Amino acid sequence: MIKREDNPEFINSFLDYSITILNKSPNSIKEYNYDLAMFFKFIKIHFNMTDETDLKEIKINDLTLDTVKKITLDDIHAFISYLMHEYHSKSTTRARKISTIRIFFKYLSRKAKLIDTNPAQDLETPKLDKRLPKYLSLDDSKRLLAATSNEDNRNSERDYAIITLFLNCGMRLSELVGININDINFKERRLTVIGKGNKERTIYLNNSCIKAINDYIKVRPKEAIKRDNKYSEKALFLSERRSRISNRTVENVVKNKLQVAGLDTKKYSVHKLRHTAATLMYQYGKVDIRALQELLGHESISTTEIYTHVSNEQVKKAVENNPLAKV
């Protein structure tokens, strides 16, 4: 995490605006800070303001708005080119950094009015490769659940509940980690989560989810939770230290269970379980695309439509595998 004192004041001002006005999540703020720090470190090299070439060694807290006012669209393009050649950045990575730069300069020019001209006004986003999401098949999903349920350790109920929620509800990692016990309405069988942009949404729980959660709550530690940390005390999922489970711990849990199930950990991850839930619901549950959009918390229907493409791809393969295809 970049410290505020390592930033020039105009970056901290933008981050404060993003938190208070744009209501961006802590993860988004962290990404904004990282992207802008990298951009301005490059600017110092590009403008011959340093002899250092290692970005890690370059300080930017001495930058002033005078430097920012000199930046042009060509300079931003030079940064994107630098990302491609020096870091071999994927189009998705470049697109994220471009989005950050665009929002940042819009803030400086239109909201804070700290600069007169917005150099990123005509900045374009690179064309993204459309890739079908990787996901577990129904059989692989059952194998993962079976492998997790057969594990005999002190966290088996917790880990099984985590895998069950991922595969049945399609929630994000941050959403699962952020679940509090009082977010669950057992009578109405629903759960409230906080998604991207701090937006609240409801996820309905099926029999498997309710049973897995109840089985875990029965053995969930009730004492020695960090009482001075209300954030941990309310948490559904607890770590070995009896505080709220971390993203990294959940990632390790999922990786371990995938290995136990004999599934490729290089191919599958926490986010792939979200893809799996969405794909299975669309293919087998005949879920309406709008309902799936609501469940996944997608702002745009186009993001959700990738799961219809998965189905179409399977139809295409089915036709190609027809035994008469080679006649």
C-alpha atoms as a PDB file:
ATOM      1  CA  MET A   1       0.000   0.000   0.000  1.00  0.00           C
ATOM      2  CA  ILE A   2       1.402   3.397  -1.007  1.00  0.00           C
ATOM      3  CA  LYS A   3       1.567   5.864   1.895  1.00  0.00           C
ATOM      4  CA  ARG A   4      -0.044   9.286   1.543  1.00  0.00           C
ATOM      5  CA  GLU A   5       3.243  10.996   2.340  1.00  0.00           C
ATOM      6  CA  ASP A   6       4.740   9.341  -0.751  1.00  0.00           C
ATOM      7  CA  ASN A   7       2.192  11.102  -2.964  1.00  0.00           C
ATOM      8  CA  PRO A   8       2.107  14.690  -4.189  1.00  0.00           C
ATOM      9  CA  GLU A   9      -0.832  16.581  -2.734  1.00  0.00           C
ATOM     10  CA  PHE A  10      -2.815  16.594  -6.002  1.00  0.00           C
ATOM     11  CA  ILE A  11      -2.947  12.771  -6.018  1.00  0.00           C
ATOM     12  CA  ASN A  12      -4.124  12.646  -2.405  1.00  0.00           C
ATOM     13  CA  SER A  13      -6.760  15.231  -3.253  1.00  0.00           C
ATOM     14  CA  PHE A  14      -8.017  13.027  -6.083  1.00  0.00           C
ATOM     15  CA  LEU A  15      -8.075   9.936  -3.847  1.00  0.00           C
ATOM     16  CA  ASP A  16     -10.063  11.811  -1.191  1.00  0.00           C
ATOM     17  CA  TYR A  17     -12.549  12.886  -3.870  1.00  0.00           C
ATOM     18  CA  SER A  18     -12.840   9.297  -5.109  1.00  0.00           C
ATOM     19  CA  ILE A  19     -13.596   8.034  -1.596  1.00  0.00           C
ATOM     20  CA  THR A  20     -16.030  10.718  -0.461  1.00  0.00           C
ATOM     21  CA  ILE A  21     -17.805  11.738  -3.665  1.00  0.00           C
ATOM     22  CA  LEU A  22     -17.402   8.828  -6.088  1.00  0.00           C
ATOM     23  CA  ASN A  23     -17.842   6.347  -3.207  1.00  0.00           C
ATOM     24  CA  LYS A  24     -15.101   4.089  -4.548  1.00  0.00           C
ATOM     25  CA  SER A  25     -14.110   0.958  -2.641  1.00  0.00           C
ATOM     26  CA  PRO A  26     -10.767   0.602  -0.796  1.00  0.00           C
ATOM     27  CA  ASN A  27      -9.578  -1.752  -3.554  1.00  0.00           C
ATOM     28  CA  SER A  28     -10.372   0.836  -6.232  1.00  0.00           C
ATOM     29  CA  ILE A  29      -8.525   3.530  -4.277  1.00  0.00           C
ATOM     30  CA  LYS A  30      -5.508   1.247  -3.949  1.00  0.00           C
ATOM     31  CA  GLU A  31      -5.533   0.616  -7.714  1.00  0.00           C
ATOM     32  CA  TYR A  32      -5.901   4.333  -8.493  1.00  0.00           C
ATOM     33  CA  ASN A  33      -2.943   5.143  -6.258  1.00  0.00           C
ATOM     34  CA  TYR A  34      -0.774   2.416  -7.776  1.00  0.00           C
ATOM     35  CA  ASP A  35      -1.628   3.411 -11.361  1.00  0.00           C
ATOM     36  CA  LEU A  36      -1.000   7.118 -10.807  1.00  0.00           C
ATOM     37  CA  ALA A  37       2.245   6.521  -8.899  1.00  0.00           C
ATOM     38  CA  MET A  38       3.516   4.406 -11.783  1.00  0.00           C
ATOM     39  CA  PHE A  39       2.420   7.003 -14.335  1.00  0.00           C
ATOM     40  CA  PHE A  40       4.148   9.907 -12.590  1.00  0.00           C
ATOM     41  CA  LYS A  41       7.306   7.918 -11.980  1.00  0.00           C
ATOM     42  CA  PHE A  42       7.405   7.365 -15.730  1.00  0.00           C
ATOM     43  CA  ILE A  43       6.776  11.086 -16.284  1.00  0.00           C
ATOM     44  CA  LYS A  44       9.853  11.944 -14.225  1.00  0.00           C
ATOM     45  CA  ILE A  45      11.925   9.683 -16.491  1.00  0.00           C
ATOM     46  CA  HIS A  46      10.197  10.954 -19.629  1.00  0.00           C
ATOM     47  CA  PHE A  47      10.740  14.605 -18.663  1.00  0.00           C
ATOM     48  CA  ASN A  48      14.395  13.986 -17.698  1.00  0.00           C
ATOM     49  CA  MET A  49      13.660  14.867 -14.083  1.00  0.00           C
ATOM     50  CA  THR A  50      15.661  11.901 -12.747  1.00  0.00           C
ATOM     51  CA  ASP A  51      18.617   9.746 -13.744  1.00  0.00           C
ATOM     52  CA  GLU A  52      17.018   6.741 -12.063  1.00  0.00           C
ATOM     53  CA  THR A  53      15.456   4.145 -14.385  1.00  0.00           C
ATOM     54  CA  ASP A  54      14.087   1.752 -11.762  1.00  0.00           C
ATOM     55  CA  LEU A  55      10.536   2.871 -10.986  1.00  0.00           C
ATOM     56  CA  LYS A  56      10.758   1.444  -7.466  1.00  0.00           C
ATOM     57  CA  GLU A  57      13.510   3.914  -6.623  1.00  0.00           C
ATOM     58  CA  ILE A  58      11.799   7.026  -7.983  1.00  0.00           C
ATOM     59  CA  LYS A  59      10.046   9.397  -5.571  1.00  0.00           C
ATOM     60  CA  ILE A  60       7.118  11.511  -6.759  1.00  0.00           C
ATOM     61  CA  ASN A  61       6.098  13.458  -3.645  1.00  0.00           C
ATOM     62  CA  ASP A  62       8.138  16.432  -4.871  1.00  0.00           C
ATOM     63  CA  LEU A  63       6.092  16.831  -8.058  1.00  0.00           C
ATOM     64  CA  THR A  64       4.068  20.014  -8.475  1.00  0.00           C
ATOM     65  CA  LEU A  65       1.146  21.045 -10.629  1.00  0.00           C
ATOM     66  CA  ASP A  66       3.590  22.853 -12.923  1.00  0.00           C
ATOM     67  CA  THR A  67       4.782  19.440 -14.103  1.00  0.00           C
ATOM     68  CA  VAL A  68       1.220  18.159 -14.475  1.00  0.00           C
ATOM     69  CA  LYS A  69       0.313  21.134 -16.664  1.00  0.00           C
ATOM     70  CA  LYS A  70       3.073  20.189 -19.115  1.00  0.00           C
ATOM     71  CA  ILE A  71       1.684  16.700 -19.748  1.00  0.00           C
ATOM     72  CA  THR A  72       0.164  16.142 -23.192  1.00  0.00           C
ATOM     73  CA  LEU A  73      -1.741  13.328 -24.845  1.00  0.00           C
ATOM     74  CA  ASP A  74       1.510  12.250 -26.528  1.00  0.00           C
ATOM     75  CA  ASP A  75       3.133  11.846 -23.114  1.00  0.00           C
ATOM     76  CA  ILE A  76       0.284   9.613 -21.984  1.00  0.00           C
ATOM     77  CA  HIS A  77       0.614   7.561 -25.169  1.00  0.00           C
ATOM     78  CA  ALA A  78       4.338   7.245 -24.434  1.00  0.00           C
ATOM     79  CA  PHE A  79       3.452   5.803 -21.012  1.00  0.00           C
ATOM     80  CA  ILE A  80       1.091   3.232 -22.546  1.00  0.00           C
ATOM     81  CA  SER A  81       3.812   2.278 -25.027  1.00  0.00           C
ATOM     82  CA  TYR A  82       6.259   1.960 -22.118  1.00  0.00           C
ATOM     83  CA  LEU A  83       3.871  -0.466 -20.405  1.00  0.00           C
ATOM     84  CA  MET A  84       3.713  -2.600 -23.531  1.00  0.00           C
ATOM     85  CA  HIS A  85       7.434  -2.764 -24.228  1.00  0.00           C
ATOM     86  CA  GLU A  86       8.896  -2.797 -20.722  1.00  0.00           C
ATOM     87  CA  TYR A  87       6.217  -4.728 -18.857  1.00  0.00           C
ATOM     88  CA  HIS A  88       4.471  -6.590 -21.685  1.00  0.00           C
ATOM     89  CA  SER A  89       1.203  -5.422 -20.141  1.00  0.00           C
ATOM     90  CA  LYS A  90      -2.008  -7.036 -21.335  1.00  0.00           C
ATOM     91  CA  SER A  91      -4.679  -4.923 -22.983  1.00  0.00           C
ATOM     92  CA  THR A  92      -6.857  -5.269 -19.870  1.00  0.00           C
ATOM     93  CA  THR A  93      -4.066  -3.884 -17.663  1.00  0.00           C
ATOM     94  CA  ARG A  94      -3.466  -0.967 -20.018  1.00  0.00           C
ATOM     95  CA  ALA A  95      -7.200  -0.288 -20.197  1.00  0.00           C
ATOM     96  CA  ARG A  96      -7.397  -0.041 -16.396  1.00  0.00           C
ATOM     97  CA  LYS A  97      -4.508   2.402 -16.203  1.00  0.00           C
ATOM     98  CA  ILE A  98      -5.989   4.480 -19.022  1.00  0.00           C
ATOM     99  CA  SER A  99      -9.295   4.588 -17.153  1.00  0.00           C
ATOM    100  CA  THR A 100      -7.503   5.797 -14.003  1.00  0.00           C
ATOM    101  CA  ILE A 101      -5.613   8.488 -15.912  1.00  0.00           C
ATOM    102  CA  ARG A 102      -8.786   9.636 -17.656  1.00  0.00           C
ATOM    103  CA  ILE A 103     -10.733   9.946 -14.382  1.00  0.00           C
ATOM    104  CA  PHE A 104      -7.784  11.661 -12.683  1.00  0.00           C
ATOM    105  CA  PHE A 105      -7.358  14.379 -15.307  1.00  0.00           C
ATOM    106  CA  LYS A 106     -11.112  14.913 -15.505  1.00  0.00           C
ATOM    107  CA  TYR A 107     -11.053  15.583 -11.771  1.00  0.00           C
ATOM    108  CA  LEU A 108      -8.104  18.002 -12.025  1.00  0.00           C
ATOM    109  CA  SER A 109      -9.592  19.972 -14.905  1.00  0.00           C
ATOM    110  CA  ARG A 110     -13.347  19.937 -14.265  1.00  0.00           C
ATOM    111  CA  LYS A 111     -13.874  19.315 -10.555  1.00  0.00           C
ATOM    112  CA  ALA A 112     -10.835  20.730  -8.772  1.00  0.00           C
ATOM    113  CA  LYS A 113     -10.058  23.169 -11.602  1.00  0.00           C
ATOM    114  CA  LEU A 114      -6.345  22.843 -10.895  1.00  0.00           C
ATOM    115  CA  ILE A 115      -5.409  22.667 -14.600  1.00  0.00           C
ATOM    116  CA  ASP A 116      -6.908  24.444 -17.586  1.00  0.00           C
ATOM    117  CA  THR A 117      -6.563  21.705 -20.193  1.00  0.00           C
ATOM    118  CA  ASN A 118      -7.362  18.004 -19.905  1.00  0.00           C
ATOM    119  CA  PRO A 119      -4.661  16.075 -21.843  1.00  0.00           C
ATOM    120  CA  ALA A 120      -6.607  12.819 -21.465  1.00  0.00           C
ATOM    121  CA  GLN A 121      -9.826  14.131 -22.986  1.00  0.00           C
ATOM    122  CA  ASP A 122      -9.277  12.258 -26.271  1.00  0.00           C
ATOM    123  CA  LEU A 123      -7.477   9.307 -24.714  1.00  0.00           C
ATOM    124  CA  GLU A 124      -8.813   6.060 -26.180  1.00  0.00           C
ATOM    125  CA  THR A 125      -9.065   2.646 -24.552  1.00  0.00           C
ATOM    126  CA  PRO A 126      -7.238  -0.216 -26.292  1.00  0.00           C
ATOM    127  CA  LYS A 127      -9.401  -2.806 -27.989  1.00  0.00           C
ATOM    128  CA  LEU A 128      -9.847  -5.698 -25.604  1.00  0.00           C
ATOM    129  CA  ASP A 129      -9.654  -9.322 -26.636  1.00  0.00           C
ATOM    130  CA  LYS A 130     -12.969 -11.027 -26.005  1.00  0.00           C
ATOM    131  CA  ARG A 131     -12.210 -14.207 -24.111  1.00  0.00           C
ATOM    132  CA  LEU A 132     -14.631 -16.789 -22.917  1.00  0.00           C
ATOM    133  CA  PRO A 133     -14.393 -17.209 -19.139  1.00  0.00           C
ATOM    134  CA  LYS A 134     -12.715 -20.304 -17.711  1.00  0.00           C
ATOM    135  CA  TYR A 135     -14.983 -22.292 -15.438  1.00  0.00           C
ATOM    136  CA  LEU A 136     -15.375 -25.692 -13.827  1.00  0.00           C
ATOM    137  CA  SER A 137     -17.698 -28.186 -15.427  1.00  0.00           C
ATOM    138  CA  LEU A 138     -20.622 -29.493 -13.377  1.00  0.00           C
ATOM    139  CA  ASP A 139     -18.705 -32.709 -12.677  1.00  0.00           C
ATOM    140  CA  ASP A 140     -15.579 -30.805 -11.652  1.00  0.00           C
ATOM    141  CA  SER A 141     -17.663 -28.591  -9.358  1.00  0.00           C
ATOM    142  CA  LYS A 142     -19.133 -31.666  -7.672  1.00  0.00           C
ATOM    143  CA  ARG A 143     -15.634 -33.129  -7.360  1.00  0.00           C
ATOM    144  CA  LEU A 144     -14.377 -29.927  -5.679  1.00  0.00           C
ATOM    145  CA  LEU A 145     -17.264 -29.950  -3.200  1.00  0.00           C
ATOM    146  CA  ALA A 146     -16.763 -33.644  -2.465  1.00  0.00           C
ATOM    147  CA  ALA A 147     -13.024 -33.193  -1.912  1.00  0.00           C
ATOM    148  CA  THR A 148     -13.684 -30.267   0.439  1.00  0.00           C
ATOM    149  CA  SER A 149     -16.361 -32.091   2.440  1.00  0.00           C
ATOM    150  CA  ASN A 150     -14.098 -35.107   2.907  1.00  0.00           C
ATOM    151  CA  GLU A 151     -11.271 -33.040   4.381  1.00  0.00           C
ATOM    152  CA  ASP A 152     -10.721 -33.784   8.055  1.00  0.00           C
ATOM    153  CA  ASN A 153      -9.294 -30.712   9.747  1.00  0.00           C
ATOM    154  CA  ARG A 154     -10.430 -28.080  12.227  1.00  0.00           C
ATOM    155  CA  ASN A 155     -11.449 -25.702   9.428  1.00  0.00           C
ATOM    156  CA  SER A 156     -13.316 -28.226   7.276  1.00  0.00           C
ATOM    157  CA  GLU A 157     -16.801 -26.778   7.935  1.00  0.00           C
ATOM    158  CA  ARG A 158     -15.576 -23.250   7.288  1.00  0.00           C
ATOM    159  CA  ASP A 159     -13.791 -24.183   4.079  1.00  0.00           C
ATOM    160  CA  TYR A 160     -16.746 -26.190   2.802  1.00  0.00           C
ATOM    161  CA  ALA A 161     -19.062 -23.230   3.429  1.00  0.00           C
ATOM    162  CA  ILE A 162     -16.673 -20.935   1.529  1.00  0.00           C
ATOM    163  CA  ILE A 163     -16.522 -23.220  -1.514  1.00  0.00           C
ATOM    164  CA  THR A 164     -20.296 -23.766  -1.390  1.00  0.00           C
ATOM    165  CA  LEU A 165     -21.058 -20.042  -1.391  1.00  0.00           C
ATOM    166  CA  PHE A 166     -18.660 -19.365  -4.252  1.00  0.00           C
ATOM    167  CA  LEU A 167     -20.076 -22.136  -6.437  1.00  0.00           C
ATOM    168  CA  ASN A 168     -23.735 -21.449  -5.662  1.00  0.00           C
ATOM    169  CA  CYS A 169     -23.888 -17.671  -5.408  1.00  0.00           C
ATOM    170  CA  GLY A 170     -21.187 -16.338  -7.743  1.00  0.00           C
ATOM    171  CA  MET A 171     -20.043 -13.705  -5.254  1.00  0.00           C
ATOM    172  CA  ARG A 172     -16.742 -11.841  -5.434  1.00  0.00           C
ATOM    173  CA  LEU A 173     -13.856 -12.538  -3.073  1.00  0.00           C
ATOM    174  CA  SER A 174     -14.246  -9.189  -1.288  1.00  0.00           C
ATOM    175  CA  GLU A 175     -17.974  -9.811  -0.887  1.00  0.00           C
ATOM    176  CA  LEU A 176     -17.449 -13.173   0.793  1.00  0.00           C
ATOM    177  CA  VAL A 177     -14.741 -11.842   3.121  1.00  0.00           C
ATOM    178  CA  GLY A 178     -16.987  -8.936   4.103  1.00  0.00           C
ATOM    179  CA  ILE A 179     -19.989 -11.056   5.165  1.00  0.00           C
ATOM    180  CA  ASN A 180     -21.194 -10.423   8.713  1.00  0.00           C
ATOM    181  CA  ILE A 181     -23.413 -12.903  10.535  1.00  0.00           C
ATOM    182  CA  ASN A 182     -26.152 -10.301  10.851  1.00  0.00           C
ATOM    183  CA  ASP A 183     -26.107  -9.860   7.053  1.00  0.00           C
ATOM    184  CA  ILE A 184     -27.798 -13.264   6.802  1.00  0.00           C
ATOM    185  CA  ASN A 185     -31.578 -13.534   7.079  1.00  0.00           C
ATOM    186  CA  PHE A 186     -32.070 -17.244   7.739  1.00  0.00           C
ATOM    187  CA  LYS A 187     -35.872 -16.998   7.783  1.00  0.00           C
ATOM    188  CA  GLU A 188     -36.026 -15.425   4.334  1.00  0.00           C
ATOM    189  CA  ARG A 189     -32.914 -17.343   3.185  1.00  0.00           C
ATOM    190  CA  ARG A 190     -31.089 -14.356   1.830  1.00  0.00           C
ATOM    191  CA  LEU A 191     -27.784 -12.568   2.293  1.00  0.00           C
ATOM    192  CA  THR A 192     -26.817  -8.924   1.876  1.00  0.00           C
ATOM    193  CA  VAL A 193     -23.376  -8.194   0.425  1.00  0.00           C
ATOM    194  CA  ILE A 194     -21.476  -5.020  -0.433  1.00  0.00           C
ATOM    195  CA  GLY A 195     -20.218  -5.163  -4.007  1.00  0.00           C
ATOM    196  CA  LYS A 196     -18.200  -2.870  -6.241  1.00  0.00           C
ATOM    197  CA  GLY A 197     -18.637   0.829  -5.584  1.00  0.00           C
ATOM    198  CA  ASN A 198     -19.992  -0.001  -2.108  1.00  0.00           C
ATOM    199  CA  LYS A 199     -23.292  -1.016  -3.721  1.00  0.00           C
ATOM    200  CA  GLU A 200     -25.495  -3.253  -1.617  1.00  0.00           C
ATOM    201  CA  ARG A 201     -27.312  -6.191  -3.179  1.00  0.00           C
ATOM    202  CA  THR A 202     -29.244  -9.254  -2.086  1.00  0.00           C
ATOM    203  CA  ILE A 203     -28.175 -12.836  -2.761  1.00  0.00           C
ATOM    204  CA  TYR A 204     -30.686 -15.606  -2.113  1.00  0.00           C
ATOM    205  CA  LEU A 205     -29.437 -18.780  -0.463  1.00  0.00           C
ATOM    206  CA  ASN A 206     -30.403 -22.292  -1.522  1.00  0.00           C
ATOM    207  CA  ASN A 207     -30.537 -25.392   0.689  1.00  0.00           C
ATOM    208  CA  SER A 208     -26.846 -26.206   0.185  1.00  0.00           C
ATOM    209  CA  CYS A 209     -25.771 -22.721   1.274  1.00  0.00           C
ATOM    210  CA  ILE A 210     -28.048 -22.618   4.331  1.00  0.00           C
ATOM    211  CA  LYS A 211     -26.873 -26.056   5.496  1.00  0.00           C
ATOM    212  CA  ALA A 212     -23.180 -25.257   4.935  1.00  0.00           C
ATOM    213  CA  ILE A 213     -23.451 -21.960   6.830  1.00  0.00           C
ATOM    214  CA  ASN A 214     -25.358 -23.545   9.728  1.00  0.00           C
ATOM    215  CA  ASP A 215     -22.879 -26.420   9.974  1.00  0.00           C
ATOM    216  CA  TYR A 216     -20.036 -23.917  10.141  1.00  0.00           C
ATOM    217  CA  ILE A 217     -21.711 -21.624  12.693  1.00  0.00           C
ATOM    218  CA  LYS A 218     -22.092 -24.618  15.034  1.00  0.00           C
ATOM    219  CA  VAL A 219     -18.298 -24.957  15.242  1.00  0.00           C
ATOM    220  CA  ARG A 220     -17.341 -21.321  14.628  1.00  0.00           C
ATOM    221  CA  PRO A 221     -15.208 -19.966  17.500  1.00  0.00           C
ATOM    222  CA  LYS A 222     -17.293 -17.881  19.893  1.00  0.00           C
ATOM    223  CA  GLU A 223     -14.589 -16.839  22.334  1.00  0.00           C
ATOM    224  CA  ALA A 224     -11.250 -15.052  22.045  1.00  0.00           C
ATOM    225  CA  ILE A 225     -12.337 -13.128  18.984  1.00  0.00           C
ATOM    226  CA  LYS A 226     -10.559  -9.756  18.936  1.00  0.00           C
ATOM    227  CA  ARG A 227     -13.143  -7.838  20.957  1.00  0.00           C
ATOM    228  CA  ASP A 228     -11.434  -4.534  20.243  1.00  0.00           C
ATOM    229  CA  ASN A 229     -12.035  -5.064  16.543  1.00  0.00           C
ATOM    230  CA  LYS A 230     -15.744  -4.819  15.775  1.00  0.00           C
ATOM    231  CA  TYR A 231     -14.960  -5.510  12.129  1.00  0.00           C
ATOM    232  CA  SER A 232     -13.699  -8.976  13.093  1.00  0.00           C
ATOM    233  CA  GLU A 233     -16.204  -9.668  15.838  1.00  0.00           C
ATOM    234  CA  LYS A 234     -19.158  -9.560  13.435  1.00  0.00           C
ATOM    235  CA  ALA A 235     -17.468 -11.566  10.687  1.00  0.00           C
ATOM    236  CA  LEU A 236     -18.991 -14.821   9.482  1.00  0.00           C
ATOM    237  CA  PHE A 237     -15.712 -16.366   8.393  1.00  0.00           C
ATOM    238  CA  LEU A 238     -12.832 -16.293  10.871  1.00  0.00           C
ATOM    239  CA  SER A 239      -9.157 -17.058  10.498  1.00  0.00           C
ATOM    240  CA  GLU A 240      -6.950 -19.175  12.769  1.00  0.00           C
ATOM    241  CA  ARG A 241      -6.370 -16.011  14.788  1.00  0.00           C
ATOM    242  CA  ARG A 242     -10.109 -15.658  15.225  1.00  0.00           C
ATOM    243  CA  SER A 243     -10.280 -12.414  13.308  1.00  0.00           C
ATOM    244  CA  ARG A 244     -12.032 -11.764   9.989  1.00  0.00           C
ATOM    245  CA  ILE A 245     -10.582 -14.024   7.320  1.00  0.00           C
ATOM    246  CA  SER A 246      -8.345 -12.258   4.783  1.00  0.00           C
ATOM    247  CA  ASN A 247      -8.479 -12.327   0.989  1.00  0.00           C
ATOM    248  CA  ARG A 248      -5.152 -14.149   0.903  1.00  0.00           C
ATOM    249  CA  THR A 249      -6.356 -16.864   3.289  1.00  0.00           C
ATOM    250  CA  VAL A 250      -9.467 -17.493   1.188  1.00  0.00           C
ATOM    251  CA  GLU A 251      -7.327 -17.661  -1.955  1.00  0.00           C
ATOM    252  CA  ASN A 252      -5.088 -20.222  -0.251  1.00  0.00           C
ATOM    253  CA  VAL A 253      -8.110 -22.233   0.888  1.00  0.00           C
ATOM    254  CA  VAL A 254      -9.486 -22.377  -2.649  1.00  0.00           C
ATOM    255  CA  LYS A 255      -6.088 -23.254  -4.120  1.00  0.00           C
ATOM    256  CA  ASN A 256      -5.621 -26.050  -1.596  1.00  0.00           C
ATOM    257  CA  LYS A 257      -9.070 -27.527  -2.234  1.00  0.00           C
ATOM    258  CA  LEU A 258      -8.534 -27.402  -5.991  1.00  0.00           C
ATOM    259  CA  GLN A 259      -5.303 -29.344  -5.519  1.00  0.00           C
ATOM    260  CA  VAL A 260      -7.033 -31.908  -3.304  1.00  0.00           C
ATOM    261  CA  ALA A 261      -9.691 -32.340  -6.008  1.00  0.00           C
ATOM    262  CA  GLY A 262      -6.982 -32.839  -8.624  1.00  0.00           C
ATOM    263  CA  LEU A 263      -7.879 -29.652 -10.517  1.00  0.00           C
ATOM    264  CA  ASP A 264      -5.392 -27.334 -12.216  1.00  0.00           C
ATOM    265  CA  THR A 265      -4.591 -24.395  -9.894  1.00  0.00           C
ATOM    266  CA  LYS A 266      -2.940 -22.539 -12.772  1.00  0.00           C
ATOM    267  CA  LYS A 267      -6.194 -22.630 -14.688  1.00  0.00           C
ATOM    268  CA  TYR A 268      -8.687 -22.138 -11.857  1.00  0.00           C
ATOM    269  CA  SER A 269      -8.880 -19.627  -9.007  1.00  0.00           C
ATOM    270  CA  VAL A 270     -11.362 -17.849  -6.736  1.00  0.00           C
ATOM    271  CA  HIS A 271     -12.618 -15.667  -9.585  1.00  0.00           C
ATOM    272  CA  LYS A 272     -13.050 -18.739 -11.804  1.00  0.00           C
ATOM    273  CA  LEU A 273     -15.463 -20.103  -9.191  1.00  0.00           C
ATOM    274  CA  ARG A 274     -17.568 -16.971  -9.724  1.00  0.00           C
ATOM    275  CA  HIS A 275     -17.517 -17.707 -13.463  1.00  0.00           C
ATOM    276  CA  THR A 276     -18.472 -21.300 -12.682  1.00  0.00           C
ATOM    277  CA  ALA A 277     -21.514 -20.308 -10.622  1.00  0.00           C
ATOM    278  CA  ALA A 278     -22.734 -17.935 -13.312  1.00  0.00           C
ATOM    279  CA  THR A 279     -22.204 -20.462 -16.104  1.00  0.00           C
ATOM    280  CA  LEU A 280     -23.932 -23.314 -14.271  1.00  0.00           C
ATOM    281  CA  MET A 281     -26.912 -21.115 -13.390  1.00  0.00           C
ATOM    282  CA  TYR A 282     -27.258 -19.970 -16.984  1.00  0.00           C
ATOM    283  CA  GLN A 283     -26.770 -23.373 -18.592  1.00  0.00           C
ATOM    284  CA  TYR A 284     -28.648 -25.588 -16.171  1.00  0.00           C
ATOM    285  CA  GLY A 285     -30.924 -23.234 -14.263  1.00  0.00           C
ATOM    286  CA  LYS A 286     -32.295 -21.481 -17.350  1.00  0.00           C
ATOM    287  CA  VAL A 287     -31.767 -18.173 -15.540  1.00  0.00           C
ATOM    288  CA  ASP A 288     -32.871 -15.038 -17.360  1.00  0.00           C
ATOM    289  CA  ILE A 289     -29.869 -12.904 -18.352  1.00  0.00           C
ATOM    290  CA  ARG A 290     -31.289  -9.888 -16.478  1.00  0.00           C
ATOM    291  CA  ALA A 291     -31.717 -11.934 -13.315  1.00  0.00           C
ATOM    292  CA  LEU A 292     -28.140 -13.192 -13.676  1.00  0.00           C
ATOM    293  CA  GLN A 293     -26.945  -9.598 -14.080  1.00  0.00           C
ATOM    294  CA  GLU A 294     -28.688  -8.654 -10.835  1.00  0.00           C
ATOM    295  CA  LEU A 295     -27.290 -11.659  -8.991  1.00  0.00           C
ATOM    296  CA  LEU A 296     -23.701 -11.021 -10.097  1.00  0.00           C
ATOM    297  CA  GLY A 297     -23.900  -7.280  -9.472  1.00  0.00           C
ATOM    298  CA  HIS A 298     -22.895  -6.263 -13.007  1.00  0.00           C
ATOM    299  CA  GLU A 299     -23.548  -2.650 -13.953  1.00  0.00           C
ATOM    300  CA  SER A 300     -23.767  -3.445 -17.649  1.00  0.00           C
ATOM    301  CA  ILE A 301     -25.714  -6.272 -19.255  1.00  0.00           C
ATOM    302  CA  SER A 302     -22.864  -6.634 -21.769  1.00  0.00           C
ATOM    303  CA  THR A 303     -20.637  -7.925 -18.954  1.00  0.00           C
ATOM    304  CA  THR A 304     -23.160 -10.631 -18.133  1.00  0.00           C
ATOM    305  CA  GLU A 305     -23.707 -11.593 -21.772  1.00  0.00           C
ATOM    306  CA  ILE A 306     -20.331 -13.325 -21.860  1.00  0.00           C
ATOM    307  CA  TYR A 307     -22.086 -16.294 -20.238  1.00  0.00           C
ATOM    308  CA  THR A 308     -24.502 -16.538 -23.151  1.00  0.00           C
ATOM    309  CA  HIS A 309     -21.448 -16.717 -25.406  1.00  0.00           C
ATOM    310  CA  VAL A 310     -20.218 -19.674 -23.365  1.00  0.00           C
ATOM    311  CA  SER A 311     -23.470 -21.450 -24.083  1.00  0.00           C
ATOM    312  CA  ASN A 312     -23.284 -20.588 -27.779  1.00  0.00           C
ATOM    313  CA  GLU A 313     -19.753 -21.969 -27.935  1.00  0.00           C
ATOM    314  CA  GLN A 314     -20.979 -25.253 -26.500  1.00  0.00           C
ATOM    315  CA  VAL A 315     -23.746 -25.396 -29.090  1.00  0.00           C
ATOM    316  CA  LYS A 316     -21.183 -24.844 -31.835  1.00  0.00           C
ATOM    317  CA  LYS A 317     -19.001 -27.659 -30.492  1.00  0.00           C
ATOM    318  CA  ALA A 318     -22.012 -29.954 -30.261  1.00  0.00           C
ATOM    319  CA  VAL A 319     -22.745 -29.437 -33.952  1.00  0.00           C
ATOM    320  CA  GLU A 320     -19.111 -29.974 -34.896  1.00  0.00           C
ATOM    321  CA  ASN A 321     -19.006 -33.197 -32.874  1.00  0.00           C
ATOM    322  CA  ASN A 322     -22.044 -34.634 -34.621  1.00  0.00           C
ATOM    323  CA  PRO A 323     -20.941 -38.033 -36.026  1.00  0.00           C
ATOM    324  CA  LEU A 324     -22.337 -37.033 -39.404  1.00  0.00           C
ATOM    325  CA  ALA A 325     -20.097 -33.965 -39.571  1.00  0.00           C
ATOM    326  CA  LYS A 326     -17.292 -35.967 -41.145  1.00  0.00           C
ATOM    327  CA  VAL A 327     -19.432 -37.836 -43.687  1.00  0.00           C
END
